[in-house]
C-alpha cells in the first residue's frame, strides 16, 4: 500500500529547492559513525562533500563511485559525526522502508544540470 500523498505546495515553494545532477567521485567510510559515509560529488563548477546514511544498505558502497545521481545542493551545511555535509542525496525508497536506490538521469548529462 502506498503512503498518502503529502499536502499540496505551491510552485514557488518547489522552485526554492535546487536539485542538480552530480557525479560521485569518491565514497569514503566515516569510522565514528554506524550509518554515514562521505561522498565527494562533482557538480561541474563546484564539488561538495555530502554525507549519506548508506552504511549497511549496500554490501559495497564504493559501487556507486563514478555514477551520476540527483542531489539537493541548497541545504544549509550540517555537521554530523564530526564532518560537514553540504547537501543531500536525492534517493528513492528510504521513506518507504525499502533499500534505497539512486535517483539518476536516464543518460549522462553535464554535471550541475538542474532538475525541474
PDB file of N, CA and C in Angstrom:
ATOM      1  N   UNK A   1       0.848  -1.192   0.000  1.00  0.00           N
ATOM      2  CA  UNK A   1       0.000   0.000   0.000  1.00  0.00           C
ATOM      3  C   UNK A   1       0.880   1.236   0.000  1.00  0.00           C
ATOM      4  N   UNK A   2       0.524   2.187  -0.830  1.00  0.00           N
ATOM      5  CA  UNK A   2       1.305   3.415  -0.947  1.00  0.00           C
ATOM      6  C   UNK A   2       1.046   4.351   0.224  1.00  0.00           C
ATOM      7  N   UNK A   3       2.045   5.168   0.507  1.00  0.00           N
ATOM      8  CA  UNK A   3       1.881   6.214   1.518  1.00  0.00           C
ATOM      9  C   UNK A   3       0.924   7.269   0.978  1.00  0.00           C
ATOM     10  N   UNK A   4       0.189   7.945   1.862  1.00  0.00           N
ATOM     11  CA  UNK A   4      -0.700   9.007   1.381  1.00  0.00           C
ATOM     12  C   UNK A   4       0.104  10.152   0.761  1.00  0.00           C
ATOM     13  N   UNK A   5      -0.502  10.828  -0.191  1.00  0.00           N
ATOM     14  CA  UNK A   5       0.125  11.981  -0.834  1.00  0.00           C
ATOM     15  C   UNK A   5       0.209  13.117   0.175  1.00  0.00           C
ATOM     16  N   UNK A   6       1.358  13.771   0.227  1.00  0.00           N
ATOM     17  CA  UNK A   6       1.547  14.894   1.154  1.00  0.00           C
ATOM     18  C   UNK A   6       0.675  16.073   0.726  1.00  0.00           C
ATOM     19  N   UNK A   7       0.444  17.039   1.642  1.00  0.00           N
ATOM     20  CA  UNK A   7      -0.375  18.213   1.294  1.00  0.00           C
ATOM     21  C   UNK A   7       0.212  18.995   0.115  1.00  0.00           C
ATOM     22  N   UNK A   8      -0.669  19.654  -0.628  1.00  0.00           N
ATOM     23  CA  UNK A   8      -0.257  20.467  -1.770  1.00  0.00           C
ATOM     24  C   UNK A   8       0.703  21.571  -1.344  1.00  0.00           C
ATOM     25  N   UNK A   9       1.642  21.877  -2.249  1.00  0.00           N
ATOM     26  CA  UNK A   9       2.521  23.036  -2.080  1.00  0.00           C
ATOM     27  C   UNK A   9       2.422  23.873  -3.343  1.00  0.00           C
ATOM     28  N   UNK A  10       2.938  25.086  -3.277  1.00  0.00           N
ATOM     29  CA  UNK A  10       2.913  25.958  -4.451  1.00  0.00           C
ATOM     30  C   UNK A  10       4.177  25.754  -5.278  1.00  0.00           C
ATOM     31  N   UNK A  11       4.120  26.111  -6.551  1.00  0.00           N
ATOM     32  CA  UNK A  11       5.298  26.034  -7.409  1.00  0.00           C
ATOM     33  C   UNK A  11       6.415  26.920  -6.870  1.00  0.00           C
ATOM     34  N   UNK A  12       6.047  28.032  -6.232  1.00  0.00           N
ATOM     35  CA  UNK A  12       7.041  28.938  -5.658  1.00  0.00           C
ATOM     36  C   UNK A  12       7.881  28.219  -4.606  1.00  0.00           C
ATOM     37  N   UNK A  13       7.244  27.407  -3.778  1.00  0.00           N
ATOM     38  CA  UNK A  13       7.978  26.663  -2.758  1.00  0.00           C
ATOM     39  C   UNK A  13       8.871  25.602  -3.405  1.00  0.00           C
ATOM     40  N   UNK A  14       8.339  24.877  -4.370  1.00  0.00           N
ATOM     41  CA  UNK A  14       9.107  23.856  -5.070  1.00  0.00           C
ATOM     42  C   UNK A  14      10.322  24.464  -5.777  1.00  0.00           C
ATOM     43  N   UNK A  15      10.154  25.656  -6.322  1.00  0.00           N
ATOM     44  CA  UNK A  15      11.220  26.335  -7.055  1.00  0.00           C
ATOM     45  C   UNK A  15      12.403  26.707  -6.153  1.00  0.00           C
ATOM     46  N   UNK A  16      12.199  26.723  -4.849  1.00  0.00           N
ATOM     47  CA  UNK A  16      13.279  27.058  -3.912  1.00  0.00           C
ATOM     48  C   UNK A  16      14.256  25.900  -3.707  1.00  0.00           C
ATOM     49  N   UNK A  17      13.859  24.677  -4.070  1.00  0.00           N
ATOM     50  CA  UNK A  17      14.718  23.510  -3.895  1.00  0.00           C
ATOM     51  C   UNK A  17      15.601  23.366  -5.125  1.00  0.00           C
ATOM     52  N   UNK A  18      16.926  23.381  -4.917  1.00  0.00           N
ATOM     53  CA  UNK A  18      17.887  23.287  -6.009  1.00  0.00           C
ATOM     54  C   UNK A  18      18.390  21.840  -6.093  1.00  0.00           C
ATOM     55  N   UNK A  19      17.849  21.098  -7.054  1.00  0.00           N
ATOM     56  CA  UNK A  19      18.222  19.700  -7.257  1.00  0.00           C
ATOM     57  C   UNK A  19      19.072  19.632  -8.528  1.00  0.00           C
ATOM     58  N   UNK A  20      20.295  19.073  -8.384  1.00  0.00           N
ATOM     59  CA  UNK A  20      21.217  19.010  -9.513  1.00  0.00           C
ATOM     60  C   UNK A  20      21.816  17.626  -9.669  1.00  0.00           C
ATOM     61  N   UNK A  21      22.257  17.357 -10.887  1.00  0.00           N
ATOM     62  CA  UNK A  21      22.965  16.123 -11.188  1.00  0.00           C
ATOM     63  C   UNK A  21      24.439  16.310 -10.830  1.00  0.00           C
ATOM     64  N   UNK A  22      24.996  15.315 -10.150  1.00  0.00           N
ATOM     65  CA  UNK A  22      26.423  15.315  -9.855  1.00  0.00           C
ATOM     66  C   UNK A  22      26.983  13.920 -10.024  1.00  0.00           C
ATOM     67  N   UNK A  23      28.279  13.862 -10.316  1.00  0.00           N
ATOM     68  CA  UNK A  23      28.960  12.573 -10.407  1.00  0.00           C
ATOM     69  C   UNK A  23      29.647  12.274  -9.083  1.00  0.00           C
ATOM     70  N   UNK A  24      29.412  11.094  -8.560  1.00  0.00           N
ATOM     71  CA  UNK A  24      30.028  10.667  -7.297  1.00  0.00           C
ATOM     72  C   UNK A  24      31.475  10.287  -7.604  1.00  0.00           C
ATOM     73  N   UNK A  25      32.400  11.146  -7.148  1.00  0.00           N
ATOM     74  CA  UNK A  25      33.820  10.966  -7.422  1.00  0.00           C
ATOM     75  C   UNK A  25      34.444   9.958  -6.462  1.00  0.00           C
ATOM     76  N   UNK A  26      34.062  10.037  -5.181  1.00  0.00           N
ATOM     77  CA  UNK A  26      34.621   9.095  -4.212  1.00  0.00           C
ATOM     78  C   UNK A  26      33.615   8.804  -3.109  1.00  0.00           C
ATOM     79  N   UNK A  27      33.782   7.622  -2.519  1.00  0.00           N
ATOM     80  CA  UNK A  27      32.960   7.160  -1.398  1.00  0.00           C
ATOM     81  C   UNK A  27      33.935   6.779  -0.284  1.00  0.00           C
ATOM     82  N   UNK A  28      33.802   7.443   0.879  1.00  0.00           N
ATOM     83  CA  UNK A  28      34.705   7.171   1.993  1.00  0.00           C
ATOM     84  C   UNK A  28      33.912   6.802   3.239  1.00  0.00           C
ATOM     85  N   UNK A  29      34.444   5.865   3.994  1.00  0.00           N
ATOM     86  CA  UNK A  29      33.845   5.466   5.257  1.00  0.00           C
ATOM     87  C   UNK A  29      34.056   6.558   6.301  1.00  0.00           C
ATOM     88  N   UNK A  30      33.065   6.788   7.133  1.00  0.00           N
ATOM     89  CA  UNK A  30      33.228   7.647   8.306  1.00  0.00           C
ATOM     90  C   UNK A  30      33.288   6.700   9.496  1.00  0.00           C
ATOM     91  N   UNK A  31      34.503   6.521  10.011  1.00  0.00           N
ATOM     92  CA  UNK A  31      34.766   5.485  11.004  1.00  0.00           C
ATOM     93  C   UNK A  31      33.958   5.624  12.285  1.00  0.00           C
ATOM     94  N   UNK A  32      33.700   6.865  12.727  1.00  0.00           N
ATOM     95  CA  UNK A  32      32.995   7.046  14.007  1.00  0.00           C
ATOM     96  C   UNK A  32      31.480   7.131  13.823  1.00  0.00           C
ATOM     97  N   UNK A  33      30.961   6.531  12.749  1.00  0.00           N
ATOM     98  CA  UNK A  33      29.517   6.506  12.519  1.00  0.00           C
ATOM     99  C   UNK A  33      29.086   5.105  12.100  1.00  0.00           C
ATOM    100  N   UNK A  34      27.929   4.679  12.604  1.00  0.00           N
ATOM    101  CA  UNK A  34      27.370   3.381  12.220  1.00  0.00           C
ATOM    102  C   UNK A  34      26.578   3.443  10.916  1.00  0.00           C
ATOM    103  N   UNK A  35      26.242   4.657  10.462  1.00  0.00           N
ATOM    104  CA  UNK A  35      25.389   4.816   9.288  1.00  0.00           C
ATOM    105  C   UNK A  35      26.044   5.586   8.148  1.00  0.00           C
ATOM    106  N   UNK A  36      26.841   6.607   8.488  1.00  0.00           N
ATOM    107  CA  UNK A  36      27.257   7.583   7.488  1.00  0.00           C
ATOM    108  C   UNK A  36      28.485   7.190   6.677  1.00  0.00           C
ATOM    109  N   UNK A  37      28.420   7.549   5.393  1.00  0.00           N
ATOM    110  CA  UNK A  37      29.584   7.547   4.523  1.00  0.00           C
ATOM    111  C   UNK A  37      29.661   8.923   3.872  1.00  0.00           C
ATOM    112  N   UNK A  38      30.861   9.278   3.398  1.00  0.00           N
ATOM    113  CA  UNK A  38      31.055  10.597   2.783  1.00  0.00           C
ATOM    114  C   UNK A  38      31.235  10.441   1.284  1.00  0.00           C
ATOM    115  N   UNK A  39      30.395  11.149   0.541  1.00  0.00           N
ATOM    116  CA  UNK A  39      30.517  11.202  -0.909  1.00  0.00           C
ATOM    117  C   UNK A  39      31.178  12.515  -1.287  1.00  0.00           C
ATOM    118  N   UNK A  40      32.138  12.472  -2.187  1.00  0.00           N
ATOM    119  CA  UNK A  40      32.640  13.688  -2.829  1.00  0.00           C
ATOM    120  C   UNK A  40      31.974  13.712  -4.190  1.00  0.00           C
ATOM    121  N   UNK A  41      31.270  14.813  -4.467  1.00  0.00           N
ATOM    122  CA  UNK A  41      30.427  14.883  -5.665  1.00  0.00           C
ATOM    123  C   UNK A  41      30.851  16.064  -6.525  1.00  0.00           C
ATOM    124  N   UNK A  42      31.029  15.807  -7.819  1.00  0.00           N
ATOM    125  CA  UNK A  42      31.410  16.828  -8.795  1.00  0.00           C
ATOM    126  C   UNK A  42      30.151  17.369  -9.461  1.00  0.00           C
ATOM    127  N   UNK A  43      29.918  18.677  -9.287  1.00  0.00           N
ATOM    128  CA  UNK A  43      28.772  19.343  -9.908  1.00  0.00           C
ATOM    129  C   UNK A  43      29.200  20.243 -11.066  1.00  0.00           C
ATOM    130  N   UNK A  44      30.369  19.997 -11.624  1.00  0.00           N
ATOM    131  CA  UNK A  44      30.843  20.803 -12.748  1.00  0.00           C
ATOM    132  C   UNK A  44      31.641  21.993 -12.265  1.00  0.00           C
ATOM    133  N   UNK A  45      30.962  23.061 -11.857  1.00  0.00           N
ATOM    134  CA  UNK A  45      31.622  24.285 -11.391  1.00  0.00           C
ATOM    135  C   UNK A  45      32.067  24.202  -9.940  1.00  0.00           C
ATOM    136  N   UNK A  46      31.614  23.187  -9.212  1.00  0.00           N
ATOM    137  CA  UNK A  46      31.975  23.053  -7.800  1.00  0.00           C
ATOM    138  C   UNK A  46      31.867  21.601  -7.385  1.00  0.00           C
ATOM    139  N   UNK A  47      32.554  21.269  -6.281  1.00  0.00           N
ATOM    140  CA  UNK A  47      32.464  19.942  -5.673  1.00  0.00           C
ATOM    141  C   UNK A  47      31.927  20.104  -4.266  1.00  0.00           C
ATOM    142  N   UNK A  48      31.248  19.083  -3.784  1.00  0.00           N
ATOM    143  CA  UNK A  48      30.701  19.096  -2.424  1.00  0.00           C
ATOM    144  C   UNK A  48      30.967  17.761  -1.749  1.00  0.00           C
ATOM    145  N   UNK A  49      31.109  17.813  -0.424  1.00  0.00           N
ATOM    146  CA  UNK A  49      31.118  16.612   0.402  1.00  0.00           C
ATOM    147  C   UNK A  49      29.710  16.448   0.940  1.00  0.00           C
ATOM    148  N   UNK A  50      29.125  15.301   0.697  1.00  0.00           N
ATOM    149  CA  UNK A  50      27.751  15.039   1.111  1.00  0.00           C
ATOM    150  C   UNK A  50      27.725  13.729   1.894  1.00  0.00           C
ATOM    151  N   UNK A  51      27.229  13.810   3.125  1.00  0.00           N
ATOM    152  CA  UNK A  51      27.141  12.632   3.982  1.00  0.00           C
ATOM    153  C   UNK A  51      25.801  11.945   3.755  1.00  0.00           C
ATOM    154  N   UNK A  52      25.847  10.626   3.638  1.00  0.00           N
ATOM    155  CA  UNK A  52      24.624   9.851   3.427  1.00  0.00           C
ATOM    156  C   UNK A  52      24.611   8.655   4.369  1.00  0.00           C
ATOM    157  N   UNK A  53      23.438   8.286   4.830  1.00  0.00           N
ATOM    158  CA  UNK A  53      23.274   7.159   5.744  1.00  0.00           C
ATOM    159  C   UNK A  53      23.165   5.852   4.996  1.00  0.00           C
ATOM    160  N   UNK A  54      24.189   5.512   4.257  1.00  0.00           N
ATOM    161  CA  UNK A  54      24.148   4.372   3.353  1.00  0.00           C
ATOM    162  C   UNK A  54      24.845   3.132   3.927  1.00  0.00           C
ATOM    163  N   UNK A  55      25.573   3.285   5.013  1.00  0.00           N
ATOM    164  CA  UNK A  55      26.310   2.154   5.578  1.00  0.00           C
ATOM    165  C   UNK A  55      25.310   1.074   5.984  1.00  0.00           C
ATOM    166  N   UNK A  56      25.537  -0.125   5.564  1.00  0.00           N
ATOM    167  CA  UNK A  56      24.634  -1.224   5.879  1.00  0.00           C
ATOM    168  C   UNK A  56      23.538  -1.429   4.849  1.00  0.00           C
ATOM    169  N   UNK A  57      23.327  -0.442   3.971  1.00  0.00           N
ATOM    170  CA  UNK A  57      22.305  -0.592   2.926  1.00  0.00           C
ATOM    171  C   UNK A  57      22.857  -1.308   1.693  1.00  0.00           C
ATOM    172  N   UNK A  58      24.172  -1.227   1.530  1.00  0.00           N
ATOM    173  CA  UNK A  58      24.828  -1.846   0.375  1.00  0.00           C
ATOM    174  C   UNK A  58      26.011  -2.666   0.876  1.00  0.00           C
ATOM    175  N   UNK A  59      26.239  -3.790   0.244  1.00  0.00           N
ATOM    176  CA  UNK A  59      27.392  -4.602   0.617  1.00  0.00           C
ATOM    177  C   UNK A  59      28.692  -3.847   0.336  1.00  0.00           C
ATOM    178  N   UNK A  60      28.726  -3.111  -0.789  1.00  0.00           N
ATOM    179  CA  UNK A  60      29.906  -2.344  -1.162  1.00  0.00           C
ATOM    180  C   UNK A  60      29.491  -0.944  -1.605  1.00  0.00           C
ATOM    181  N   UNK A  61      29.465   0.038  -0.684  1.00  0.00           N
ATOM    182  CA  UNK A  61      29.057   1.391  -1.059  1.00  0.00           C
ATOM    183  C   UNK A  61      29.902   2.002  -2.179  1.00  0.00           C
ATOM    184  N   UNK A  62      31.150   1.552  -2.337  1.00  0.00           N
ATOM    185  CA  UNK A  62      32.011   2.103  -3.387  1.00  0.00           C
ATOM    186  C   UNK A  62      31.486   1.791  -4.791  1.00  0.00           C
ATOM    187  N   UNK A  63      30.503   0.884  -4.905  1.00  0.00           N
ATOM    188  CA  UNK A  63      29.962   0.538  -6.219  1.00  0.00           C
ATOM    189  C   UNK A  63      29.282   1.731  -6.902  1.00  0.00           C
ATOM    190  N   UNK A  64      28.971   2.787  -6.150  1.00  0.00           N
ATOM    191  CA  UNK A  64      28.320   3.944  -6.766  1.00  0.00           C
ATOM    192  C   UNK A  64      29.322   5.000  -7.237  1.00  0.00           C
ATOM    193  N   UNK A  65      30.627   4.786  -6.977  1.00  0.00           N
ATOM    194  CA  UNK A  65      31.635   5.725  -7.490  1.00  0.00           C
ATOM    195  C   UNK A  65      31.538   5.786  -9.005  1.00  0.00           C
ATOM    196  N   UNK A  66      31.617   7.000  -9.541  1.00  0.00           N
ATOM    197  CA  UNK A  66      31.553   7.203 -10.983  1.00  0.00           C
ATOM    198  C   UNK A  66      30.149   7.345 -11.521  1.00  0.00           C
ATOM    199  N   UNK A  67      29.137   7.124 -10.700  1.00  0.00           N
ATOM    200  CA  UNK A  67      27.758   7.229 -11.161  1.00  0.00           C
ATOM    201  C   UNK A  67      27.204   8.637 -10.946  1.00  0.00           C
ATOM    202  N   UNK A  68      26.301   9.022 -11.817  1.00  0.00           N
ATOM    203  CA  UNK A  68      25.585  10.282 -11.630  1.00  0.00           C
ATOM    204  C   UNK A  68      24.335  10.024 -10.804  1.00  0.00           C
ATOM    205  N   UNK A  69      23.940  11.031 -10.029  1.00  0.00           N
ATOM    206  CA  UNK A  69      22.724  10.950  -9.235  1.00  0.00           C
ATOM    207  C   UNK A  69      22.211  12.363  -9.006  1.00  0.00           C
ATOM    208  N   UNK A  70      21.011  12.449  -8.430  1.00  0.00           N
ATOM    209  CA  UNK A  70      20.409  13.742  -8.098  1.00  0.00           C
ATOM    210  C   UNK A  70      20.715  14.088  -6.647  1.00  0.00           C
ATOM    211  N   UNK A  71      21.006  15.376  -6.402  1.00  0.00           N
ATOM    212  CA  UNK A  71      21.335  15.877  -5.074  1.00  0.00           C
ATOM    213  C   UNK A  71      20.644  17.206  -4.842  1.00  0.00           C
ATOM    214  N   UNK A  72      20.211  17.455  -3.595  1.00  0.00           N
ATOM    215  CA  UNK A  72      19.749  18.783  -3.185  1.00  0.00           C
ATOM    216  C   UNK A  72      21.011  19.536  -2.769  1.00  0.00           C
ATOM    217  N   UNK A  73      21.289  20.660  -3.437  1.00  0.00           N
ATOM    218  CA  UNK A  73      22.548  21.373  -3.181  1.00  0.00           C
ATOM    219  C   UNK A  73      22.382  22.657  -2.379  1.00  0.00           C
ATOM    220  N   UNK A  74      21.164  23.049  -2.061  1.00  0.00           N
ATOM    221  CA  UNK A  74      20.998  24.301  -1.328  1.00  0.00           C
ATOM    222  C   UNK A  74      20.470  24.126   0.094  1.00  0.00           C
ATOM    223  N   UNK A  75      20.785  22.979   0.712  1.00  0.00           N
ATOM    224  CA  UNK A  75      20.521  22.814   2.143  1.00  0.00           C
ATOM    225  C   UNK A  75      21.653  23.479   2.916  1.00  0.00           C
ATOM    226  N   UNK A  76      21.349  24.039   4.061  1.00  0.00           N
ATOM    227  CA  UNK A  76      22.393  24.616   4.900  1.00  0.00           C
ATOM    228  C   UNK A  76      23.362  23.510   5.304  1.00  0.00           C
ATOM    229  N   UNK A  77      24.672  23.794   5.322  1.00  0.00           N
ATOM    230  CA  UNK A  77      25.636  22.781   5.765  1.00  0.00           C
ATOM    231  C   UNK A  77      25.293  22.291   7.171  1.00  0.00           C
ATOM    232  N   UNK A  78      25.529  20.984   7.388  1.00  0.00           N
ATOM    233  CA  UNK A  78      25.188  20.384   8.675  1.00  0.00           C
ATOM    234  C   UNK A  78      26.337  19.505   9.140  1.00  0.00           C
ATOM    235  N   UNK A  79      26.721  19.655  10.407  1.00  0.00           N
ATOM    236  CA  UNK A  79      27.791  18.841  10.969  1.00  0.00           C
ATOM    237  C   UNK A  79      27.205  17.553  11.533  1.00  0.00           C
ATOM    238  N   UNK A  80      27.779  16.419  11.094  1.00  0.00           N
ATOM    239  CA  UNK A  80      27.349  15.105  11.561  1.00  0.00           C
ATOM    240  C   UNK A  80      28.596  14.250  11.722  1.00  0.00           C
ATOM    241  N   UNK A  81      28.701  13.567  12.848  1.00  0.00           N
ATOM    242  CA  UNK A  81      29.826  12.664  13.117  1.00  0.00           C
ATOM    243  C   UNK A  81      31.169  13.347  12.891  1.00  0.00           C
ATOM    244  N   UNK A  82      31.229  14.634  13.222  1.00  0.00           N
ATOM    245  CA  UNK A  82      32.476  15.378  13.101  1.00  0.00           C
ATOM    246  C   UNK A  82      32.804  15.850  11.695  1.00  0.00           C
ATOM    247  N   UNK A  83      31.917  15.631  10.734  1.00  0.00           N
ATOM    248  CA  UNK A  83      32.125  16.032   9.342  1.00  0.00           C
ATOM    249  C   UNK A  83      31.008  16.991   8.934  1.00  0.00           C
ATOM    250  N   UNK A  84      31.265  17.800   7.913  1.00  0.00           N
ATOM    251  CA  UNK A  84      30.260  18.731   7.399  1.00  0.00           C
ATOM    252  C   UNK A  84      29.648  18.150   6.123  1.00  0.00           C
ATOM    253  N   UNK A  85      28.315  18.105   6.091  1.00  0.00           N
ATOM    254  CA  UNK A  85      27.592  17.704   4.886  1.00  0.00           C
ATOM    255  C   UNK A  85      27.082  18.950   4.193  1.00  0.00           C
ATOM    256  N   UNK A  86      27.320  19.026   2.874  1.00  0.00           N
ATOM    257  CA  UNK A  86      26.967  20.223   2.102  1.00  0.00           C
ATOM    258  C   UNK A  86      25.859  19.941   1.094  1.00  0.00           C
ATOM    259  N   UNK A  87      24.914  19.094   1.457  1.00  0.00           N
ATOM    260  CA  UNK A  87      23.810  18.782   0.559  1.00  0.00           C
ATOM    261  C   UNK A  87      23.164  17.477   0.970  1.00  0.00           C
ATOM    262  N   UNK A  88      22.312  16.941   0.076  1.00  0.00           N
ATOM    263  CA  UNK A  88      21.599  15.714   0.377  1.00  0.00           C
ATOM    264  C   UNK A  88      21.442  14.888  -0.892  1.00  0.00           C
ATOM    265  N   UNK A  89      21.742  13.601  -0.781  1.00  0.00           N
ATOM    266  CA  UNK A  89      21.470  12.676  -1.880  1.00  0.00           C
ATOM    267  C   UNK A  89      19.962  12.541  -2.010  1.00  0.00           C
ATOM    268  N   UNK A  90      19.466  12.659  -3.231  1.00  0.00           N
ATOM    269  CA  UNK A  90      18.045  12.515  -3.515  1.00  0.00           C
ATOM    270  C   UNK A  90      17.842  11.073  -3.978  1.00  0.00           C
ATOM    271  N   UNK A  91      17.574  10.162  -3.019  1.00  0.00           N
ATOM    272  CA  UNK A  91      17.433   8.759  -3.391  1.00  0.00           C
ATOM    273  C   UNK A  91      15.968   8.337  -3.378  1.00  0.00           C
ATOM    274  N   UNK A  92      15.733   7.098  -3.744  1.00  0.00           N
ATOM    275  CA  UNK A  92      14.380   6.573  -3.878  1.00  0.00           C
ATOM    276  C   UNK A  92      14.235   5.347  -2.985  1.00  0.00           C
ATOM    277  N   UNK A  93      13.206   5.330  -2.138  1.00  0.00           N
ATOM    278  CA  UNK A  93      12.884   4.147  -1.375  1.00  0.00           C
ATOM    279  C   UNK A  93      13.003   4.268   0.123  1.00  0.00           C
ATOM    280  N   UNK A  94      13.920   5.103   0.620  1.00  0.00           N
ATOM    281  CA  UNK A  94      14.178   5.180   2.056  1.00  0.00           C
ATOM    282  C   UNK A  94      12.897   5.474   2.843  1.00  0.00           C
ATOM    283  N   UNK A  95      12.127   6.470   2.404  1.00  0.00           N
ATOM    284  CA  UNK A  95      10.917   6.873   3.128  1.00  0.00           C
ATOM    285  C   UNK A  95       9.872   5.757   3.173  1.00  0.00           C
ATOM    286  N   UNK A  96       9.972   4.812   2.254  1.00  0.00           N
ATOM    287  CA  UNK A  96       9.015   3.707   2.211  1.00  0.00           C
ATOM    288  C   UNK A  96       9.558   2.420   2.814  1.00  0.00           C
ATOM    289  N   UNK A  97      10.721   2.521   3.450  1.00  0.00           N
ATOM    290  CA  UNK A  97      11.268   1.374   4.160  1.00  0.00           C
ATOM    291  C   UNK A  97      11.873   0.297   3.282  1.00  0.00           C
ATOM    292  N   UNK A  98      12.217   0.640   2.041  1.00  0.00           N
ATOM    293  CA  UNK A  98      12.912  -0.319   1.187  1.00  0.00           C
ATOM    294  C   UNK A  98      14.356   0.142   1.022  1.00  0.00           C
ATOM    295  N   UNK A  99      15.222  -0.769   0.604  1.00  0.00           N
ATOM    296  CA  UNK A  99      16.623  -0.402   0.400  1.00  0.00           C
ATOM    297  C   UNK A  99      16.680   0.660  -0.691  1.00  0.00           C
ATOM    298  N   UNK A 100      17.214   1.841  -0.379  1.00  0.00           N
ATOM    299  CA  UNK A 100      17.214   2.941  -1.342  1.00  0.00           C
ATOM    300  C   UNK A 100      18.069   2.668  -2.580  1.00  0.00           C
ATOM    301  N   UNK A 101      17.655   3.271  -3.662  1.00  0.00           N
ATOM    302  CA  UNK A 101      18.411   3.275  -4.914  1.00  0.00           C
ATOM    303  C   UNK A 101      18.643   4.726  -5.311  1.00  0.00           C
ATOM    304  N   UNK A 102      19.658   4.959  -6.133  1.00  0.00           N
ATOM    305  CA  UNK A 102      19.954   6.312  -6.581  1.00  0.00           C
ATOM    306  C   UNK A 102      18.888   6.807  -7.544  1.00  0.00           C
ATOM    307  N   UNK A 103      18.512   8.077  -7.423  1.00  0.00           N
ATOM    308  CA  UNK A 103      17.686   8.735  -8.432  1.00  0.00           C
ATOM    309  C   UNK A 103      18.666   9.267  -9.475  1.00  0.00           C
ATOM    310  N   UNK A 104      18.570   8.749 -10.694  1.00  0.00           N
ATOM    311  CA  UNK A 104      19.566   9.027 -11.717  1.00  0.00           C
ATOM    312  C   UNK A 104      18.941   9.487 -13.025  1.00  0.00           C
ATOM    313  N   UNK A 105      19.687  10.305 -13.796  1.00  0.00           N
ATOM    314  CA  UNK A 105      19.214  10.626 -15.144  1.00  0.00           C
ATOM    315  C   UNK A 105      19.293   9.376 -16.026  1.00  0.00           C
ATOM    316  N   UNK A 106      18.444   9.285 -17.027  1.00  0.00           N
ATOM    317  CA  UNK A 106      18.415   8.093 -17.882  1.00  0.00           C
ATOM    318  C   UNK A 106      19.639   7.983 -18.770  1.00  0.00           C
ATOM    319  N   UNK A 107      20.328   9.079 -19.018  1.00  0.00           N
ATOM    320  CA  UNK A 107      21.600   9.064 -19.739  1.00  0.00           C
ATOM    321  C   UNK A 107      22.495  10.137 -19.139  1.00  0.00           C
ATOM    322  N   UNK A 108      23.781  10.082 -19.424  1.00  0.00           N
ATOM    323  CA  UNK A 108      24.728  11.038 -18.865  1.00  0.00           C
ATOM    324  C   UNK A 108      24.392  12.447 -19.338  1.00  0.00           C
ATOM    325  N   UNK A 109      24.378  13.371 -18.400  1.00  0.00           N
ATOM    326  CA  UNK A 109      24.170  14.795 -18.684  1.00  0.00           C
ATOM    327  C   UNK A 109      25.315  15.556 -18.005  1.00  0.00           C
ATOM    328  N   UNK A 110      25.527  16.824 -18.389  1.00  0.00           N
ATOM    329  CA  UNK A 110      26.613  17.574 -17.741  1.00  0.00           C
ATOM    330  C   UNK A 110      26.388  17.705 -16.229  1.00  0.00           C
ATOM    331  N   UNK A 111      27.460  17.545 -15.454  1.00  0.00           N
ATOM    332  CA  UNK A 111      27.370  17.761 -14.009  1.00  0.00           C
ATOM    333  C   UNK A 111      26.871  19.177 -13.745  1.00  0.00           C
ATOM    334  N   UNK A 112      26.001  19.301 -12.758  1.00  0.00           N
ATOM    335  CA  UNK A 112      25.429  20.602 -12.417  1.00  0.00           C
ATOM    336  C   UNK A 112      24.092  20.870 -13.082  1.00  0.00           C
ATOM    337  N   UNK A 113      23.660  19.987 -13.996  1.00  0.00           N
ATOM    338  CA  UNK A 113      22.372  20.156 -14.658  1.00  0.00           C
ATOM    339  C   UNK A 113      21.268  20.124 -13.597  1.00  0.00           C
ATOM    340  N   UNK A 114      20.354  21.086 -13.689  1.00  0.00           N
ATOM    341  CA  UNK A 114      19.284  21.219 -12.692  1.00  0.00           C
ATOM    342  C   UNK A 114      18.086  20.353 -13.053  1.00  0.00           C
ATOM    343  N   UNK A 115      17.444  19.808 -12.009  1.00  0.00           N
ATOM    344  CA  UNK A 115      16.190  19.075 -12.197  1.00  0.00           C
ATOM    345  C   UNK A 115      15.043  20.073 -12.153  1.00  0.00           C
ATOM    346  N   UNK A 116      13.975  19.754 -12.842  1.00  0.00           N
ATOM    347  CA  UNK A 116      12.785  20.604 -12.782  1.00  0.00           C
ATOM    348  C   UNK A 116      12.537  21.379 -14.037  1.00  0.00           C
TER     349      UNK A 116
END
